[in-house]
Amino acid sequence: MRLRAGLLVAGMVTAIVSVLSTPASAQAAAWTYIGVYTSKYKCVDAGQMWVREGWNEYECSGGGTYWELWVR
């Protein structure tokens, strides 16, 4: 039990240190893939929802039969 708790704490500390050591400019510039949509309208609608939820911007890429949503 103590070993499992110790490993959990060590893992959490490692994750926190890795996030804090990454420069803010690199974190802000990273795009996150959300998913694929069947029309540009649906992609834009979902992207606007992500911006309302706190993301800075969205981008719909692709065209034709599918559109990929990316946010950052």
PDB file of N, CA and C in Angstrom:
ATOM      1  N   MET A   1       0.823  -1.187   0.000  1.00  0.00           N
ATOM      2  CA  MET A   1       0.000   0.000   0.000  1.00  0.00           C
ATOM      3  C   MET A   1       0.869   1.254   0.000  1.00  0.00           C
ATOM      4  N   ARG A   2       1.894   1.273   0.833  1.00  0.00           N
ATOM      5  CA  ARG A   2       2.772   2.437   0.892  1.00  0.00           C
ATOM      6  C   ARG A   2       3.558   2.592  -0.405  1.00  0.00           C
ATOM      7  N   LEU A   3       3.959   1.463  -0.973  1.00  0.00           N
ATOM      8  CA  LEU A   3       4.705   1.500  -2.229  1.00  0.00           C
ATOM      9  C   LEU A   3       3.841   2.082  -3.342  1.00  0.00           C
ATOM     10  N   ARG A   4       2.600   1.652  -3.432  1.00  0.00           N
ATOM     11  CA  ARG A   4       1.692   2.153  -4.454  1.00  0.00           C
ATOM     12  C   ARG A   4       1.458   3.665  -4.290  1.00  0.00           C
ATOM     13  N   ALA A   5       1.264   4.111  -3.058  1.00  0.00           N
ATOM     14  CA  ALA A   5       1.065   5.542  -2.799  1.00  0.00           C
ATOM     15  C   ALA A   5       2.329   6.330  -3.146  1.00  0.00           C
ATOM     16  N   GLY A   6       3.484   5.775  -2.822  1.00  0.00           N
ATOM     17  CA  GLY A   6       4.747   6.445  -3.144  1.00  0.00           C
ATOM     18  C   GLY A   6       4.953   6.574  -4.645  1.00  0.00           C
ATOM     19  N   LEU A   7       4.624   5.515  -5.373  1.00  0.00           N
ATOM     20  CA  LEU A   7       4.753   5.568  -6.832  1.00  0.00           C
ATOM     21  C   LEU A   7       3.774   6.565  -7.440  1.00  0.00           C
ATOM     22  N   LEU A   8       2.566   6.625  -6.894  1.00  0.00           N
ATOM     23  CA  LEU A   8       1.575   7.576  -7.383  1.00  0.00           C
ATOM     24  C   LEU A   8       2.045   9.008  -7.171  1.00  0.00           C
ATOM     25  N   VAL A   9       2.563   9.303  -5.998  1.00  0.00           N
ATOM     26  CA  VAL A   9       3.062  10.648  -5.702  1.00  0.00           C
ATOM     27  C   VAL A   9       4.251  10.984  -6.603  1.00  0.00           C
ATOM     28  N   ALA A  10       5.158  10.039  -6.787  1.00  0.00           N
ATOM     29  CA  ALA A  10       6.320  10.278  -7.639  1.00  0.00           C
ATOM     30  C   ALA A  10       5.882  10.556  -9.082  1.00  0.00           C
ATOM     31  N   GLY A  11       4.891   9.818  -9.564  1.00  0.00           N
ATOM     32  CA  GLY A  11       4.383  10.054 -10.912  1.00  0.00           C
ATOM     33  C   GLY A  11       3.734  11.418 -11.049  1.00  0.00           C
ATOM     34  N   MET A  12       2.977  11.822 -10.036  1.00  0.00           N
ATOM     35  CA  MET A  12       2.331  13.137 -10.081  1.00  0.00           C
ATOM     36  C   MET A  12       3.369  14.253 -10.061  1.00  0.00           C
ATOM     37  N   VAL A  13       4.383  14.119  -9.238  1.00  0.00           N
ATOM     38  CA  VAL A  13       5.446  15.121  -9.161  1.00  0.00           C
ATOM     39  C   VAL A  13       6.171  15.218 -10.494  1.00  0.00           C
ATOM     40  N   THR A  14       6.451  14.084 -11.117  1.00  0.00           N
ATOM     41  CA  THR A  14       7.126  14.081 -12.414  1.00  0.00           C
ATOM     42  C   THR A  14       6.279  14.782 -13.465  1.00  0.00           C
ATOM     43  N   ALA A  15       4.979  14.526 -13.481  1.00  0.00           N
ATOM     44  CA  ALA A  15       4.090  15.167 -14.452  1.00  0.00           C
ATOM     45  C   ALA A  15       4.031  16.670 -14.232  1.00  0.00           C
ATOM     46  N   ILE A  16       3.936  17.102 -12.989  1.00  0.00           N
ATOM     47  CA  ILE A  16       3.867  18.533 -12.685  1.00  0.00           C
ATOM     48  C   ILE A  16       5.160  19.235 -13.074  1.00  0.00           C
ATOM     49  N   VAL A  17       6.292  18.639 -12.751  1.00  0.00           N
ATOM     50  CA  VAL A  17       7.582  19.239 -13.093  1.00  0.00           C
ATOM     51  C   VAL A  17       7.750  19.343 -14.605  1.00  0.00           C
ATOM     52  N   SER A  18       7.314  18.329 -15.355  1.00  0.00           N
ATOM     53  CA  SER A  18       7.466  18.385 -16.812  1.00  0.00           C
ATOM     54  C   SER A  18       6.596  19.479 -17.417  1.00  0.00           C
ATOM     55  N   VAL A  19       5.395  19.684 -16.894  1.00  0.00           N
ATOM     56  CA  VAL A  19       4.532  20.753 -17.405  1.00  0.00           C
ATOM     57  C   VAL A  19       5.102  22.115 -17.060  1.00  0.00           C
ATOM     58  N   LEU A  20       5.585  22.268 -15.839  1.00  0.00           N
ATOM     59  CA  LEU A  20       6.117  23.560 -15.417  1.00  0.00           C
ATOM     60  C   LEU A  20       7.436  23.895 -16.102  1.00  0.00           C
ATOM     61  N   SER A  21       8.197  22.898 -16.508  1.00  0.00           N
ATOM     62  CA  SER A  21       9.477  23.162 -17.146  1.00  0.00           C
ATOM     63  C   SER A  21       9.331  23.490 -18.628  1.00  0.00           C
ATOM     64  N   THR A  22       8.169  23.214 -19.215  1.00  0.00           N
ATOM     65  CA  THR A  22       7.930  23.547 -20.616  1.00  0.00           C
ATOM     66  C   THR A  22       7.662  25.043 -20.717  1.00  0.00           C
ATOM     67  N   PRO A  23       8.359  25.752 -21.616  1.00  0.00           N
ATOM     68  CA  PRO A  23       8.141  27.185 -21.735  1.00  0.00           C
ATOM     69  C   PRO A  23       6.692  27.496 -22.099  1.00  0.00           C
ATOM     70  N   ALA A  24       6.199  28.625 -21.608  1.00  0.00           N
ATOM     71  CA  ALA A  24       4.815  29.022 -21.867  1.00  0.00           C
ATOM     72  C   ALA A  24       4.566  29.220 -23.355  1.00  0.00           C
ATOM     73  N   SER A  25       5.570  29.700 -24.076  1.00  0.00           N
ATOM     74  CA  SER A  25       5.386  29.915 -25.508  1.00  0.00           C
ATOM     75  C   SER A  25       5.169  28.599 -26.239  1.00  0.00           C
ATOM     76  N   ALA A  26       5.817  27.538 -25.793  1.00  0.00           N
ATOM     77  CA  ALA A  26       5.628  26.232 -26.425  1.00  0.00           C
ATOM     78  C   ALA A  26       4.259  25.662 -26.088  1.00  0.00           C
ATOM     79  N   GLN A  27       3.785  25.891 -24.869  1.00  0.00           N
ATOM     80  CA  GLN A  27       2.461  25.410 -24.493  1.00  0.00           C
ATOM     81  C   GLN A  27       1.379  26.141 -25.269  1.00  0.00           C
ATOM     82  N   ALA A  28       1.532  27.456 -25.443  1.00  0.00           N
ATOM     83  CA  ALA A  28       0.517  28.249 -26.124  1.00  0.00           C
ATOM     84  C   ALA A  28       0.480  27.948 -27.614  1.00  0.00           C
ATOM     85  N   ALA A  29       1.604  27.539 -28.187  1.00  0.00           N
ATOM     86  CA  ALA A  29       1.670  27.320 -29.626  1.00  0.00           C
ATOM     87  C   ALA A  29       1.200  25.931 -30.040  1.00  0.00           C
ATOM     88  N   ALA A  30       0.987  25.041 -29.091  1.00  0.00           N
ATOM     89  CA  ALA A  30       0.622  23.671 -29.429  1.00  0.00           C
ATOM     90  C   ALA A  30      -0.852  23.574 -29.815  1.00  0.00           C
ATOM     91  N   TRP A  31      -1.114  22.964 -30.962  1.00  0.00           N
ATOM     92  CA  TRP A  31      -2.481  22.727 -31.419  1.00  0.00           C
ATOM     93  C   TRP A  31      -2.934  21.377 -30.907  1.00  0.00           C
ATOM     94  N   THR A  32      -4.190  21.270 -30.525  1.00  0.00           N
ATOM     95  CA  THR A  32      -4.780  20.029 -30.036  1.00  0.00           C
ATOM     96  C   THR A  32      -5.847  19.564 -31.015  1.00  0.00           C
ATOM     97  N   TYR A  33      -5.721  18.324 -31.468  1.00  0.00           N
ATOM     98  CA  TYR A  33      -6.682  17.748 -32.407  1.00  0.00           C
ATOM     99  C   TYR A  33      -7.956  17.369 -31.664  1.00  0.00           C
ATOM    100  N   ILE A  34      -9.110  17.781 -32.199  1.00  0.00           N
ATOM    101  CA  ILE A  34     -10.389  17.482 -31.564  1.00  0.00           C
ATOM    102  C   ILE A  34     -11.120  16.357 -32.285  1.00  0.00           C
ATOM    103  N   GLY A  35     -11.284  16.484 -33.607  1.00  0.00           N
ATOM    104  CA  GLY A  35     -12.007  15.436 -34.316  1.00  0.00           C
ATOM    105  C   GLY A  35     -12.314  15.816 -35.750  1.00  0.00           C
ATOM    106  N   VAL A  36     -13.098  14.957 -36.420  1.00  0.00           N
ATOM    107  CA  VAL A  36     -13.452  15.128 -37.824  1.00  0.00           C
ATOM    108  C   VAL A  36     -14.940  15.417 -37.923  1.00  0.00           C
ATOM    109  N   TYR A  37     -15.293  16.353 -38.794  1.00  0.00           N
ATOM    110  CA  TYR A  37     -16.688  16.723 -39.016  1.00  0.00           C
ATOM    111  C   TYR A  37     -17.017  16.577 -40.498  1.00  0.00           C
ATOM    112  N   THR A  38     -18.289  16.334 -40.796  1.00  0.00           N
ATOM    113  CA  THR A  38     -18.700  16.057 -42.176  1.00  0.00           C
ATOM    114  C   THR A  38     -18.980  17.304 -42.991  1.00  0.00           C
ATOM    115  N   SER A  39     -19.019  18.468 -42.348  1.00  0.00           N
ATOM    116  CA  SER A  39     -19.218  19.718 -43.089  1.00  0.00           C
ATOM    117  C   SER A  39     -18.459  20.842 -42.398  1.00  0.00           C
ATOM    118  N   LYS A  40     -18.143  21.874 -43.152  1.00  0.00           N
ATOM    119  CA  LYS A  40     -17.435  23.009 -42.569  1.00  0.00           C
ATOM    120  C   LYS A  40     -18.306  23.705 -41.531  1.00  0.00           C
ATOM    121  N   TYR A  41     -19.612  23.757 -41.775  1.00  0.00           N
ATOM    122  CA  TYR A  41     -20.538  24.376 -40.828  1.00  0.00           C
ATOM    123  C   TYR A  41     -20.453  23.704 -39.457  1.00  0.00           C
ATOM    124  N   LYS A  42     -20.467  22.373 -39.428  1.00  0.00           N
ATOM    125  CA  LYS A  42     -20.391  21.637 -38.166  1.00  0.00           C
ATOM    126  C   LYS A  42     -19.045  21.856 -37.477  1.00  0.00           C
ATOM    127  N   CYS A  43     -17.977  21.930 -38.266  1.00  0.00           N
ATOM    128  CA  CYS A  43     -16.639  22.151 -37.711  1.00  0.00           C
ATOM    129  C   CYS A  43     -16.542  23.540 -37.077  1.00  0.00           C
ATOM    130  N   VAL A  44     -17.028  24.551 -37.782  1.00  0.00           N
ATOM    131  CA  VAL A  44     -16.994  25.920 -37.254  1.00  0.00           C
ATOM    132  C   VAL A  44     -17.854  26.025 -36.000  1.00  0.00           C
ATOM    133  N   ASP A  45     -19.024  25.410 -36.019  1.00  0.00           N
ATOM    134  CA  ASP A  45     -19.911  25.430 -34.856  1.00  0.00           C
ATOM    135  C   ASP A  45     -19.226  24.815 -33.638  1.00  0.00           C
ATOM    136  N   ALA A  46     -18.580  23.670 -33.827  1.00  0.00           N
ATOM    137  CA  ALA A  46     -17.863  23.024 -32.724  1.00  0.00           C
ATOM    138  C   ALA A  46     -16.661  23.866 -32.279  1.00  0.00           C
ATOM    139  N   GLY A  47     -15.960  24.458 -33.234  1.00  0.00           N
ATOM    140  CA  GLY A  47     -14.818  25.305 -32.886  1.00  0.00           C
ATOM    141  C   GLY A  47     -15.225  26.509 -32.052  1.00  0.00           C
ATOM    142  N   GLN A  48     -16.344  27.121 -32.398  1.00  0.00           N
ATOM    143  CA  GLN A  48     -16.834  28.255 -31.621  1.00  0.00           C
ATOM    144  C   GLN A  48     -17.217  27.826 -30.211  1.00  0.00           C
ATOM    145  N   MET A  49     -17.746  26.621 -30.076  1.00  0.00           N
ATOM    146  CA  MET A  49     -18.076  26.099 -28.751  1.00  0.00           C
ATOM    147  C   MET A  49     -16.814  25.933 -27.912  1.00  0.00           C
ATOM    148  N   TRP A  50     -15.732  25.421 -28.523  1.00  0.00           N
ATOM    149  CA  TRP A  50     -14.474  25.260 -27.782  1.00  0.00           C
ATOM    150  C   TRP A  50     -13.910  26.606 -27.358  1.00  0.00           C
ATOM    151  N   VAL A  51     -14.048  27.625 -28.196  1.00  0.00           N
ATOM    152  CA  VAL A  51     -13.574  28.964 -27.822  1.00  0.00           C
ATOM    153  C   VAL A  51     -14.402  29.500 -26.650  1.00  0.00           C
ATOM    154  N   ARG A  52     -15.701  29.277 -26.669  1.00  0.00           N
ATOM    155  CA  ARG A  52     -16.542  29.703 -25.537  1.00  0.00           C
ATOM    156  C   ARG A  52     -16.156  28.983 -24.254  1.00  0.00           C
ATOM    157  N   GLU A  53     -15.630  27.760 -24.379  1.00  0.00           N
ATOM    158  CA  GLU A  53     -15.223  26.989 -23.207  1.00  0.00           C
ATOM    159  C   GLU A  53     -13.844  27.383 -22.678  1.00  0.00           C
ATOM    160  N   GLY A  54     -13.138  28.290 -23.372  1.00  0.00           N
ATOM    161  CA  GLY A  54     -11.881  28.786 -22.824  1.00  0.00           C
ATOM    162  C   GLY A  54     -10.654  28.646 -23.710  1.00  0.00           C
ATOM    163  N   TRP A  55     -10.762  27.964 -24.848  1.00  0.00           N
ATOM    164  CA  TRP A  55      -9.613  27.881 -25.753  1.00  0.00           C
ATOM    165  C   TRP A  55      -9.468  29.207 -26.485  1.00  0.00           C
ATOM    166  N   ASN A  56      -8.261  29.517 -26.937  1.00  0.00           N
ATOM    167  CA  ASN A  56      -7.996  30.807 -27.569  1.00  0.00           C
ATOM    168  C   ASN A  56      -8.501  30.891 -29.000  1.00  0.00           C
ATOM    169  N   GLU A  57      -8.302  29.848 -29.780  1.00  0.00           N
ATOM    170  CA  GLU A  57      -8.706  29.882 -31.181  1.00  0.00           C
ATOM    171  C   GLU A  57      -8.912  28.473 -31.710  1.00  0.00           C
ATOM    172  N   TYR A  58      -9.545  28.383 -32.873  1.00  0.00           N
ATOM    173  CA  TYR A  58      -9.764  27.096 -33.514  1.00  0.00           C
ATOM    174  C   TYR A  58      -9.431  27.215 -34.993  1.00  0.00           C
ATOM    175  N   GLU A  59      -9.242  26.054 -35.610  1.00  0.00           N
ATOM    176  CA  GLU A  59      -8.972  26.021 -37.050  1.00  0.00           C
ATOM    177  C   GLU A  59      -9.622  24.773 -37.634  1.00  0.00           C
ATOM    178  N   CYS A  60     -10.355  24.958 -38.717  1.00  0.00           N
ATOM    179  CA  CYS A  60     -10.947  23.839 -39.448  1.00  0.00           C
ATOM    180  C   CYS A  60     -10.116  23.634 -40.711  1.00  0.00           C
ATOM    181  N   SER A  61      -9.497  22.479 -40.825  1.00  0.00           N
ATOM    182  CA  SER A  61      -8.673  22.197 -42.002  1.00  0.00           C
ATOM    183  C   SER A  61      -9.245  21.008 -42.750  1.00  0.00           C
ATOM    184  N   GLY A  62      -8.872  20.886 -43.976  1.00  0.00           N
ATOM    185  CA  GLY A  62      -9.371  19.796 -44.809  1.00  0.00           C
ATOM    186  C   GLY A  62     -10.217  20.359 -45.941  1.00  0.00           C
ATOM    187  N   GLY A  63     -11.338  19.757 -46.151  1.00  0.00           N
ATOM    188  CA  GLY A  63     -12.238  20.202 -47.201  1.00  0.00           C
ATOM    189  C   GLY A  63     -12.901  19.022 -47.871  1.00  0.00           C
ATOM    190  N   GLY A  64     -13.892  19.304 -48.658  1.00  0.00           N
ATOM    191  CA  GLY A  64     -14.583  18.223 -49.349  1.00  0.00           C
ATOM    192  C   GLY A  64     -15.491  17.455 -48.429  1.00  0.00           C
ATOM    193  N   THR A  65     -15.164  16.192 -48.180  1.00  0.00           N
ATOM    194  CA  THR A  65     -16.042  15.327 -47.397  1.00  0.00           C
ATOM    195  C   THR A  65     -15.740  15.308 -45.905  1.00  0.00           C
ATOM    196  N   TYR A  66     -14.633  15.911 -45.465  1.00  0.00           N
ATOM    197  CA  TYR A  66     -14.347  15.942 -44.038  1.00  0.00           C
ATOM    198  C   TYR A  66     -13.601  17.220 -43.664  1.00  0.00           C
ATOM    199  N   TRP A  67     -13.754  17.630 -42.421  1.00  0.00           N
ATOM    200  CA  TRP A  67     -13.061  18.796 -41.868  1.00  0.00           C
ATOM    201  C   TRP A  67     -12.513  18.407 -40.507  1.00  0.00           C
ATOM    202  N   GLU A  68     -11.244  18.696 -40.276  1.00  0.00           N
ATOM    203  CA  GLU A  68     -10.601  18.410 -38.988  1.00  0.00           C
ATOM    204  C   GLU A  68     -10.613  19.668 -38.136  1.00  0.00           C
ATOM    205  N   LEU A  69     -10.968  19.518 -36.857  1.00  0.00           N
ATOM    206  CA  LEU A  69     -10.994  20.631 -35.921  1.00  0.00           C
ATOM    207  C   LEU A  69      -9.752  20.586 -35.049  1.00  0.00           C
ATOM    208  N   TRP A  70      -9.034  21.702 -34.993  1.00  0.00           N
ATOM    209  CA  TRP A  70      -7.855  21.873 -34.145  1.00  0.00           C
ATOM    210  C   TRP A  70      -8.086  23.103 -33.267  1.00  0.00           C
ATOM    211  N   VAL A  71      -7.703  23.047 -32.009  1.00  0.00           N
ATOM    212  CA  VAL A  71      -7.817  24.189 -31.098  1.00  0.00           C
ATOM    213  C   VAL A  71      -6.488  24.428 -30.411  1.00  0.00           C
ATOM    214  N   ARG A  72      -6.318  25.675 -29.954  1.00  0.00           N
ATOM    215  CA  ARG A  72      -5.182  25.992 -29.080  1.00  0.00           C
ATOM    216  C   ARG A  72      -5.532  27.169 -28.214  1.00  0.00           C
TER     217      ARG A  72
END
